[in-house]
Each structure stands twice: as structure tokens, then as C-alpha cells.
Amino acid sequence: MRSPYARAGSVTIEGLFVPFSSAGRSVACSSRPSVAAVCSWMLLCIAGLAVLSGPAQASSPQPAAVSFYRGQGVDANLIHLIPDLLSGDLRYEETFFTALGYYHPLETPRVMQPVFDFFHVPNTNTGFEFILAKHNGLQHNAEVDVAYLLRFSRLSLSVISVQFSFGYGLSYAFGRPTYEDGPVEDPDARYRFQSYGAYELEWGYSADPRFGLVTRIHHRSGTYGIIAPPKVGSNFVTLGLRYSF
């Protein structure tokens, strides 16, 4: 369900690569938990257990990576974003961010390896990503994000490879995030500290996986009132370039 405080925009994905643009407004999540939200909280709990359990002996972490991201705000809830994109109904808005990310790989935690084995998901890796972003458009604040990621095994499609990853963590805005939605009872309120979700596909060249093109959903929310009130936050569709080393 779209937020009643969101404004529609007419900007296309081309705006992701316009360095300085005017602004738009995004939408927060539905007040009912989605599958993505439930999975994200499960991941956050597992990440906590992972720190206590230590690495599995047979795990082999992926390389570290640095990424450059450019994101554009969209008028859609997280649960509706992909259906709107596939149907051509996703509305892009004139607000953007530019970000740098660093992924630090970890050995697969002992508590998680049996889960991957049970579901027959081989070569799943874990790590933390640290992101520093600067917004322009309807908001001009900086933002820092830290997420615990699961990166699944690469699939080779002839000369192209694709890898799905998702992660969950925390986000803090340095300044007032004016683009984001406020709660229903106080729409002018803004919240700097929120949860952060990352859902991505990395596309690469099978013969040289060091370089990749990243398509990602960059999501901030209050996680249904747990970290901030319901219906606050924003969603950005993001393109990125990644170098693994």
C-alpha cells in the first residue's frame, strides 16, 4: 500500500547517472510485515548468533569488494517494488544518492552452515558491508549504513554470471532526511536512525568475476515500529559498479 504522503514523479532510471538533480519523494513500507521483512529479522538474529558461534571449519570466504553506487528514489513500498517494476508501473522520482561501499568477507558461521546444507545451498558466504552515501534532491544529508550480508553462489549463464545477495543492518542519516515519509500521526517528523535492507543481483563476466554490475534495492524503514514508527523510510533503486579483490 502506497503511503498517502508520497508524490508521484516522472523521472526515469536514466536519472541515476545525472550527478546533480532536483528532488522527489519516496514511500515507506506497508504496516503489515512482508516476507522480506521477516527474512531480514531472521538474518539479523542469525548474525548475532554467528558472532557467538565462530566460523565453520570448511568455510571459505569470498574476496573483499569495493562498490560505487548511484540510487534514485521510487514511489513504491518494498513489497510492491518488484511487481511495479515488472509491470512498468514503478514511478521514479527526482531524488538521488551517490555512495561508496566496502564489503568485508567473513567465514561462514558454524551455526549457519547446517542450515545451508539442509537447503542444499552450497558456497554461501557472509560478511559485513559498510556504506557511506550522500543525497541530493529533496534531501541533502549524508548517510551511513552497516549490513550483515548473505552472498549466495554465483550462477553461470554462458559468459554471464549472476549472484544474489541480501542483507540487513542499521542506517543513520547525518542531517534531516526530508525526502522520507513521516509516520501517519505526525507526517512532518523525520527519523535519522532506522533499519537498513539491501537486496541485490550482481552481474558479471564468468571468465573474470572481479568486476560486476550491481542492481540493488536500498531500503530504509522503521521495521514496523521496532526501530522507528511504522510507515517511515524510503526505497531507492540502485545501480553500481563493483571490484572484488
C-alpha atoms as a PDB file:
ATOM      1  CA  MET A   1       0.000   0.000   0.000  1.00  0.00           C
ATOM      2  CA  ARG A   2       1.496   3.304  -1.073  1.00  0.00           C
ATOM      3  CA  SER A   3       1.927   5.986   1.514  1.00  0.00           C
ATOM      4  CA  PRO A   4      -0.672   8.783   1.384  1.00  0.00           C
ATOM      5  CA  TYR A   5       2.193  11.267   1.703  1.00  0.00           C
ATOM      6  CA  ALA A   6       4.122  10.194  -1.387  1.00  0.00           C
ATOM      7  CA  ARG A   7       4.166  12.268  -4.552  1.00  0.00           C
ATOM      8  CA  ALA A   8       4.389  10.749  -7.965  1.00  0.00           C
ATOM      9  CA  GLY A   9       7.324  11.566 -10.237  1.00  0.00           C
ATOM     10  CA  SER A  10       8.040  11.285 -13.934  1.00  0.00           C
ATOM     11  CA  VAL A  11      11.792  10.727 -13.865  1.00  0.00           C
ATOM     12  CA  THR A  12      13.186   7.513 -15.383  1.00  0.00           C
ATOM     13  CA  ILE A  13      16.089   5.342 -14.354  1.00  0.00           C
ATOM     14  CA  GLU A  14      18.294   7.486 -16.563  1.00  0.00           C
ATOM     15  CA  GLY A  15      18.353   9.972 -13.716  1.00  0.00           C
ATOM     16  CA  LEU A  16      20.550   7.624 -11.714  1.00  0.00           C
ATOM     17  CA  PHE A  17      23.554   8.865 -13.624  1.00  0.00           C
ATOM     18  CA  VAL A  18      22.754  12.581 -13.522  1.00  0.00           C
ATOM     19  CA  PRO A  19      25.217  13.818 -10.889  1.00  0.00           C
ATOM     20  CA  PHE A  20      23.101  16.679  -9.576  1.00  0.00           C
ATOM     21  CA  SER A  21      19.349  16.693  -9.991  1.00  0.00           C
ATOM     22  CA  SER A  22      16.272  18.151  -8.381  1.00  0.00           C
ATOM     23  CA  ALA A  23      14.207  16.132  -5.998  1.00  0.00           C
ATOM     24  CA  GLY A  24      11.327  13.689  -5.409  1.00  0.00           C
ATOM     25  CA  ARG A  25       9.731  11.734  -2.574  1.00  0.00           C
ATOM     26  CA  SER A  26       9.653   8.043  -1.721  1.00  0.00           C
ATOM     27  CA  VAL A  27       7.338   5.703   0.113  1.00  0.00           C
ATOM     28  CA  ALA A  28       7.652   3.728   3.312  1.00  0.00           C
ATOM     29  CA  CYS A  29       6.677   0.124   3.929  1.00  0.00           C
ATOM     30  CA  SER A  30       3.277  -1.406   4.441  1.00  0.00           C
ATOM     31  CA  SER A  31       2.262  -1.605   8.075  1.00  0.00           C
ATOM     32  CA  ARG A  32       1.987  -5.414   7.776  1.00  0.00           C
ATOM     33  CA  PRO A  33       5.197  -7.443   7.805  1.00  0.00           C
ATOM     34  CA  SER A  34       6.255  -8.737   4.398  1.00  0.00           C
ATOM     35  CA  VAL A  35       8.184 -11.912   3.704  1.00  0.00           C
ATOM     36  CA  ALA A  36      11.267  -9.771   3.075  1.00  0.00           C
ATOM     37  CA  ALA A  37      10.946  -8.127   6.482  1.00  0.00           C
ATOM     38  CA  VAL A  38      10.528 -11.443   8.290  1.00  0.00           C
ATOM     39  CA  CYS A  39      13.562 -12.891   6.479  1.00  0.00           C
ATOM     40  CA  SER A  40      15.549  -9.758   7.285  1.00  0.00           C
ATOM     41  CA  TRP A  41      14.881 -10.078  11.005  1.00  0.00           C
ATOM     42  CA  MET A  42      15.753 -13.756  10.888  1.00  0.00           C
ATOM     43  CA  LEU A  43      19.038 -12.767   9.248  1.00  0.00           C
ATOM     44  CA  LEU A  44      19.705 -10.178  11.957  1.00  0.00           C
ATOM     45  CA  CYS A  45      19.162 -12.786  14.675  1.00  0.00           C
ATOM     46  CA  ILE A  46      21.404 -15.270  12.882  1.00  0.00           C
ATOM     47  CA  ALA A  47      24.090 -12.608  12.558  1.00  0.00           C
ATOM     48  CA  GLY A  48      24.066 -12.184  16.318  1.00  0.00           C
ATOM     49  CA  LEU A  49      24.381 -15.921  16.850  1.00  0.00           C
ATOM     50  CA  ALA A  50      27.140 -16.016  14.248  1.00  0.00           C
ATOM     51  CA  VAL A  51      29.335 -13.720  16.298  1.00  0.00           C
ATOM     52  CA  LEU A  52      28.984 -16.070  19.266  1.00  0.00           C
ATOM     53  CA  SER A  53      29.329 -19.357  17.409  1.00  0.00           C
ATOM     54  CA  GLY A  54      32.513 -18.800  15.416  1.00  0.00           C
ATOM     55  CA  PRO A  55      33.342 -19.963  11.888  1.00  0.00           C
ATOM     56  CA  ALA A  56      32.627 -23.334  10.325  1.00  0.00           C
ATOM     57  CA  GLN A  57      35.842 -25.193   9.638  1.00  0.00           C
ATOM     58  CA  ALA A  58      35.075 -25.857   5.962  1.00  0.00           C
ATOM     59  CA  SER A  59      34.009 -22.339   5.037  1.00  0.00           C
ATOM     60  CA  SER A  60      35.925 -20.271   2.510  1.00  0.00           C
ATOM     61  CA  PRO A  61      35.072 -16.567   2.375  1.00  0.00           C
ATOM     62  CA  GLN A  62      34.723 -14.637  -0.846  1.00  0.00           C
ATOM     63  CA  PRO A  63      37.074 -11.758  -1.685  1.00  0.00           C
ATOM     64  CA  ALA A  64      36.620  -8.313  -0.245  1.00  0.00           C
ATOM     65  CA  ALA A  65      34.998  -5.771  -2.566  1.00  0.00           C
ATOM     66  CA  VAL A  66      34.559  -2.052  -3.104  1.00  0.00           C
ATOM     67  CA  SER A  67      31.474  -0.664  -4.806  1.00  0.00           C
ATOM     68  CA  PHE A  68      30.284   2.617  -6.267  1.00  0.00           C
ATOM     69  CA  TYR A  69      26.510   3.114  -6.122  1.00  0.00           C
ATOM     70  CA  ARG A  70      24.081   5.600  -7.635  1.00  0.00           C
ATOM     71  CA  GLY A  71      20.493   5.380  -6.388  1.00  0.00           C
ATOM     72  CA  GLN A  72      17.188   7.019  -7.307  1.00  0.00           C
ATOM     73  CA  GLY A  73      14.107   7.220  -5.095  1.00  0.00           C
ATOM     74  CA  VAL A  74      10.957   5.388  -6.158  1.00  0.00           C
ATOM     75  CA  ASP A  75       7.290   5.733  -5.251  1.00  0.00           C
ATOM     76  CA  ALA A  76       6.659   2.178  -4.069  1.00  0.00           C
ATOM     77  CA  ASN A  77       6.534   0.097  -0.928  1.00  0.00           C
ATOM     78  CA  LEU A  78       9.198  -2.579  -0.597  1.00  0.00           C
ATOM     79  CA  ILE A  79       6.689  -5.396  -1.055  1.00  0.00           C
ATOM     80  CA  HIS A  80       5.299  -3.797  -4.242  1.00  0.00           C
ATOM     81  CA  LEU A  81       8.543  -2.562  -5.771  1.00  0.00           C
ATOM     82  CA  ILE A  82       9.435  -5.600  -7.896  1.00  0.00           C
ATOM     83  CA  PRO A  83       5.861  -6.158  -9.187  1.00  0.00           C
ATOM     84  CA  ASP A  84       5.637  -2.458 -10.100  1.00  0.00           C
ATOM     85  CA  LEU A  85       9.000  -2.670 -11.864  1.00  0.00           C
ATOM     86  CA  LEU A  86       7.992  -5.740 -13.884  1.00  0.00           C
ATOM     87  CA  SER A  87       4.618  -4.255 -14.818  1.00  0.00           C
ATOM     88  CA  GLY A  88       6.132  -0.915 -15.863  1.00  0.00           C
ATOM     89  CA  ASP A  89       4.233   0.958 -13.138  1.00  0.00           C
ATOM     90  CA  LEU A  90       7.249   1.872 -10.992  1.00  0.00           C
ATOM     91  CA  ARG A  91       7.472   5.655 -10.621  1.00  0.00           C
ATOM     92  CA  TYR A  92      10.959   7.153 -10.340  1.00  0.00           C
ATOM     93  CA  GLU A  93      11.406  10.426  -8.535  1.00  0.00           C
ATOM     94  CA  GLU A  94      13.927  13.245  -8.704  1.00  0.00           C
ATOM     95  CA  THR A  95      15.974  12.428  -5.637  1.00  0.00           C
ATOM     96  CA  PHE A  96      19.293  10.593  -5.699  1.00  0.00           C
ATOM     97  CA  PHE A  97      22.278   9.416  -3.713  1.00  0.00           C
ATOM     98  CA  THR A  98      25.884   8.602  -4.523  1.00  0.00           C
ATOM     99  CA  ALA A  99      27.645   6.076  -2.301  1.00  0.00           C
ATOM    100  CA  LEU A 100      30.792   4.073  -1.715  1.00  0.00           C
ATOM    101  CA  GLY A 101      30.651   0.634  -0.140  1.00  0.00           C
ATOM    102  CA  TYR A 102      33.206  -1.774   1.271  1.00  0.00           C
ATOM    103  CA  TYR A 103      32.351  -5.468   1.717  1.00  0.00           C
ATOM    104  CA  HIS A 104      34.418  -7.345   4.300  1.00  0.00           C
ATOM    105  CA  PRO A 105      34.048 -11.139   3.992  1.00  0.00           C
ATOM    106  CA  LEU A 106      33.717 -13.420   6.993  1.00  0.00           C
ATOM    107  CA  GLU A 107      34.000 -17.158   7.341  1.00  0.00           C
ATOM    108  CA  THR A 108      30.581 -18.832   7.295  1.00  0.00           C
ATOM    109  CA  PRO A 109      29.472 -19.136  10.953  1.00  0.00           C
ATOM    110  CA  ARG A 110      29.207 -22.613  12.427  1.00  0.00           C
ATOM    111  CA  VAL A 111      25.557 -22.094  13.379  1.00  0.00           C
ATOM    112  CA  MET A 112      24.586 -21.245   9.777  1.00  0.00           C
ATOM    113  CA  GLN A 113      26.382 -23.976   7.831  1.00  0.00           C
ATOM    114  CA  PRO A 114      23.876 -26.754   8.733  1.00  0.00           C
ATOM    115  CA  VAL A 115      21.043 -24.509   7.508  1.00  0.00           C
ATOM    116  CA  PHE A 116      22.733 -24.038   4.136  1.00  0.00           C
ATOM    117  CA  ASP A 117      23.449 -27.770   3.942  1.00  0.00           C
ATOM    118  CA  PHE A 118      19.820 -28.632   4.744  1.00  0.00           C
ATOM    119  CA  PHE A 119      18.522 -26.423   1.935  1.00  0.00           C
ATOM    120  CA  HIS A 120      21.272 -27.606  -0.431  1.00  0.00           C
ATOM    121  CA  VAL A 121      22.620 -24.092  -0.938  1.00  0.00           C
ATOM    122  CA  PRO A 122      26.360 -24.578  -1.468  1.00  0.00           C
ATOM    123  CA  ASN A 123      29.082 -21.939  -1.298  1.00  0.00           C
ATOM    124  CA  THR A 124      27.023 -19.375   0.597  1.00  0.00           C
ATOM    125  CA  ASN A 125      29.227 -16.678   2.104  1.00  0.00           C
ATOM    126  CA  THR A 126      28.719 -13.995   4.697  1.00  0.00           C
ATOM    127  CA  GLY A 127      30.202 -10.629   5.528  1.00  0.00           C
ATOM    128  CA  PHE A 128      29.627  -7.040   6.539  1.00  0.00           C
ATOM    129  CA  GLU A 129      29.150  -4.134   4.159  1.00  0.00           C
ATOM    130  CA  PHE A 130      29.875  -0.549   5.174  1.00  0.00           C
ATOM    131  CA  ILE A 131      28.293   2.204   3.043  1.00  0.00           C
ATOM    132  CA  LEU A 132      28.750   5.964   3.044  1.00  0.00           C
ATOM    133  CA  ALA A 133      26.181   7.866   0.960  1.00  0.00           C
ATOM    134  CA  LYS A 134      25.486  11.494   0.067  1.00  0.00           C
ATOM    135  CA  HIS A 135      21.994  12.504  -1.021  1.00  0.00           C
ATOM    136  CA  ASN A 136      20.941  15.250  -3.431  1.00  0.00           C
ATOM    137  CA  GLY A 137      17.444  16.195  -4.479  1.00  0.00           C
ATOM    138  CA  LEU A 138      14.735  16.530  -1.860  1.00  0.00           C
ATOM    139  CA  GLN A 139      17.281  15.805   0.842  1.00  0.00           C
ATOM    140  CA  HIS A 140      20.952  16.703   1.102  1.00  0.00           C
ATOM    141  CA  ASN A 141      22.123  14.730   4.113  1.00  0.00           C
ATOM    142  CA  ALA A 142      24.882  12.169   4.363  1.00  0.00           C
ATOM    143  CA  GLU A 143      24.045   8.611   5.393  1.00  0.00           C
ATOM    144  CA  VAL A 144      25.977   5.662   6.777  1.00  0.00           C
ATOM    145  CA  ASP A 145      24.796   2.049   6.606  1.00  0.00           C
ATOM    146  CA  VAL A 146      26.149  -1.201   8.057  1.00  0.00           C
ATOM    147  CA  ALA A 147      24.642  -4.519   6.974  1.00  0.00           C
ATOM    148  CA  TYR A 148      25.294  -8.208   7.524  1.00  0.00           C
ATOM    149  CA  LEU A 149      25.068  -9.916   4.126  1.00  0.00           C
ATOM    150  CA  LEU A 150      24.427 -13.392   2.787  1.00  0.00           C
ATOM    151  CA  ARG A 151      26.014 -13.839  -0.655  1.00  0.00           C
ATOM    152  CA  PHE A 152      24.870 -16.950  -2.472  1.00  0.00           C
ATOM    153  CA  SER A 153      26.825 -18.973  -5.003  1.00  0.00           C
ATOM    154  CA  ARG A 154      27.307 -17.471  -8.466  1.00  0.00           C
ATOM    155  CA  LEU A 155      25.254 -18.923 -11.296  1.00  0.00           C
ATOM    156  CA  SER A 156      26.954 -19.060 -14.684  1.00  0.00           C
ATOM    157  CA  LEU A 157      24.711 -18.306 -17.656  1.00  0.00           C
ATOM    158  CA  SER A 158      27.125 -18.898 -20.530  1.00  0.00           C
ATOM    159  CA  VAL A 159      29.541 -15.931 -20.443  1.00  0.00           C
ATOM    160  CA  ILE A 160      27.410 -14.062 -17.861  1.00  0.00           C
ATOM    161  CA  SER A 161      27.347 -14.808 -14.139  1.00  0.00           C
ATOM    162  CA  VAL A 162      24.757 -13.632 -11.621  1.00  0.00           C
ATOM    163  CA  GLN A 163      24.875 -13.666  -7.825  1.00  0.00           C
ATOM    164  CA  PHE A 164      22.022 -12.918  -5.407  1.00  0.00           C
ATOM    165  CA  SER A 165      22.745 -11.307  -2.049  1.00  0.00           C
ATOM    166  CA  PHE A 166      20.663  -9.813   0.696  1.00  0.00           C
ATOM    167  CA  GLY A 167      21.461  -8.209   3.984  1.00  0.00           C
ATOM    168  CA  TYR A 168      20.079  -6.348   6.942  1.00  0.00           C
ATOM    169  CA  GLY A 169      21.503  -3.859   9.374  1.00  0.00           C
ATOM    170  CA  LEU A 170      21.303  -0.288  10.606  1.00  0.00           C
ATOM    171  CA  SER A 171      21.277   3.132   8.956  1.00  0.00           C
ATOM    172  CA  TYR A 172      21.905   6.638  10.271  1.00  0.00           C
ATOM    173  CA  ALA A 173      21.237   9.926   8.474  1.00  0.00           C
ATOM    174  CA  PHE A 174      23.544  12.858   9.288  1.00  0.00           C
ATOM    175  CA  GLY A 175      21.003  15.619   8.954  1.00  0.00           C
ATOM    176  CA  ARG A 176      17.267  15.719   8.370  1.00  0.00           C
ATOM    177  CA  PRO A 177      16.141  13.129   5.762  1.00  0.00           C
ATOM    178  CA  THR A 178      13.446  15.389   4.326  1.00  0.00           C
ATOM    179  CA  TYR A 179      12.644  13.107   1.380  1.00  0.00           C
ATOM    180  CA  GLU A 180      11.489  10.266   3.589  1.00  0.00           C
ATOM    181  CA  ASP A 181       7.971   9.718   4.870  1.00  0.00           C
ATOM    182  CA  GLY A 182       6.950  10.510   8.414  1.00  0.00           C
ATOM    183  CA  PRO A 183       4.514   8.467  10.497  1.00  0.00           C
ATOM    184  CA  VAL A 184       0.774   8.782   9.882  1.00  0.00           C
ATOM    185  CA  GLU A 185       0.157  10.547  13.191  1.00  0.00           C
ATOM    186  CA  ASP A 186       2.970  13.086  12.596  1.00  0.00           C
ATOM    187  CA  PRO A 187       3.841  13.283   8.854  1.00  0.00           C
ATOM    188  CA  ASP A 188       6.351  16.110   9.372  1.00  0.00           C
ATOM    189  CA  ALA A 189       8.507  14.060  11.749  1.00  0.00           C
ATOM    190  CA  ARG A 190      11.734  12.541  10.411  1.00  0.00           C
ATOM    191  CA  TYR A 191      13.888   9.803  11.906  1.00  0.00           C
ATOM    192  CA  ARG A 192      17.648   9.640  11.418  1.00  0.00           C
ATOM    193  CA  PHE A 193      18.159   6.186  12.922  1.00  0.00           C
ATOM    194  CA  GLN A 194      16.421   3.375  11.039  1.00  0.00           C
ATOM    195  CA  SER A 195      16.972  -0.170   9.863  1.00  0.00           C
ATOM    196  CA  TYR A 196      18.635  -0.868   6.524  1.00  0.00           C
ATOM    197  CA  GLY A 197      17.896  -3.598   3.994  1.00  0.00           C
ATOM    198  CA  ALA A 198      19.874  -4.488   0.853  1.00  0.00           C
ATOM    199  CA  TYR A 199      18.524  -6.816  -1.850  1.00  0.00           C
ATOM    200  CA  GLU A 200      20.716  -7.209  -4.911  1.00  0.00           C
ATOM    201  CA  LEU A 201      21.776  -9.075  -8.027  1.00  0.00           C
ATOM    202  CA  GLU A 202      25.386  -8.758  -9.149  1.00  0.00           C
ATOM    203  CA  TRP A 203      26.017  -9.353 -12.858  1.00  0.00           C
ATOM    204  CA  GLY A 204      29.474 -10.205 -14.139  1.00  0.00           C
ATOM    205  CA  TYR A 205      31.663 -11.826 -16.754  1.00  0.00           C
ATOM    206  CA  SER A 206      32.122 -15.507 -15.930  1.00  0.00           C
ATOM    207  CA  ALA A 207      35.777 -15.543 -17.010  1.00  0.00           C
ATOM    208  CA  ASP A 208      36.690 -12.595 -14.736  1.00  0.00           C
ATOM    209  CA  PRO A 209      34.421 -12.292 -11.664  1.00  0.00           C
ATOM    210  CA  ARG A 210      36.448  -9.426 -10.193  1.00  0.00           C
ATOM    211  CA  PHE A 211      34.257  -6.841 -11.957  1.00  0.00           C
ATOM    212  CA  GLY A 212      30.497  -6.655 -11.564  1.00  0.00           C
ATOM    213  CA  LEU A 213      27.417  -4.560 -12.303  1.00  0.00           C
ATOM    214  CA  VAL A 214      25.116  -4.359  -9.282  1.00  0.00           C
ATOM    215  CA  THR A 215      21.341  -3.869  -9.290  1.00  0.00           C
ATOM    216  CA  ARG A 216      20.099  -3.276  -5.754  1.00  0.00           C
ATOM    217  CA  ILE A 217      17.140  -2.132  -3.663  1.00  0.00           C
ATOM    218  CA  HIS A 218      18.371   0.273  -0.961  1.00  0.00           C
ATOM    219  CA  HIS A 219      15.767   0.266   1.799  1.00  0.00           C
ATOM    220  CA  ARG A 220      15.388   2.309   4.998  1.00  0.00           C
ATOM    221  CA  SER A 221      12.487   1.797   7.373  1.00  0.00           C
ATOM    222  CA  GLY A 222      11.417   1.647  10.997  1.00  0.00           C
ATOM    223  CA  THR A 223      10.790  -2.114  10.684  1.00  0.00           C
ATOM    224  CA  TYR A 224       7.125  -1.860  11.610  1.00  0.00           C
ATOM    225  CA  GLY A 225       7.656   0.250  14.706  1.00  0.00           C
ATOM    226  CA  ILE A 226      10.596  -1.664  16.181  1.00  0.00           C
ATOM    227  CA  ILE A 227      13.325   0.886  15.400  1.00  0.00           C
ATOM    228  CA  ALA A 228      11.178   3.862  14.281  1.00  0.00           C
ATOM    229  CA  PRO A 229       7.408   4.342  13.835  1.00  0.00           C
ATOM    230  CA  PRO A 230       5.585   2.413  11.085  1.00  0.00           C
ATOM    231  CA  LYS A 231       5.390   3.889   7.579  1.00  0.00           C
ATOM    232  CA  VAL A 232       8.623   5.871   7.796  1.00  0.00           C
ATOM    233  CA  GLY A 233      11.563   5.445   5.442  1.00  0.00           C
ATOM    234  CA  SER A 234      12.389   5.259   1.747  1.00  0.00           C
ATOM    235  CA  ASN A 235      13.234   2.954  -1.138  1.00  0.00           C
ATOM    236  CA  PHE A 236      15.879   3.582  -3.790  1.00  0.00           C
ATOM    237  CA  VAL A 237      16.587   1.605  -6.944  1.00  0.00           C
ATOM    238  CA  THR A 238      20.353   1.450  -7.260  1.00  0.00           C
ATOM    239  CA  LEU A 239      22.931   0.678  -9.928  1.00  0.00           C
ATOM    240  CA  GLY A 240      26.534   0.068  -9.002  1.00  0.00           C
ATOM    241  CA  LEU A 241      29.977  -0.948 -10.157  1.00  0.00           C
ATOM    242  CA  ARG A 242      31.950  -3.428  -8.031  1.00  0.00           C
ATOM    243  CA  TYR A 243      35.557  -4.569  -7.901  1.00  0.00           C
ATOM    244  CA  SER A 244      36.415  -7.665  -5.860  1.00  0.00           C
ATOM    245  CA  PHE A 245      39.942  -8.328  -4.663  1.00  0.00           C
END
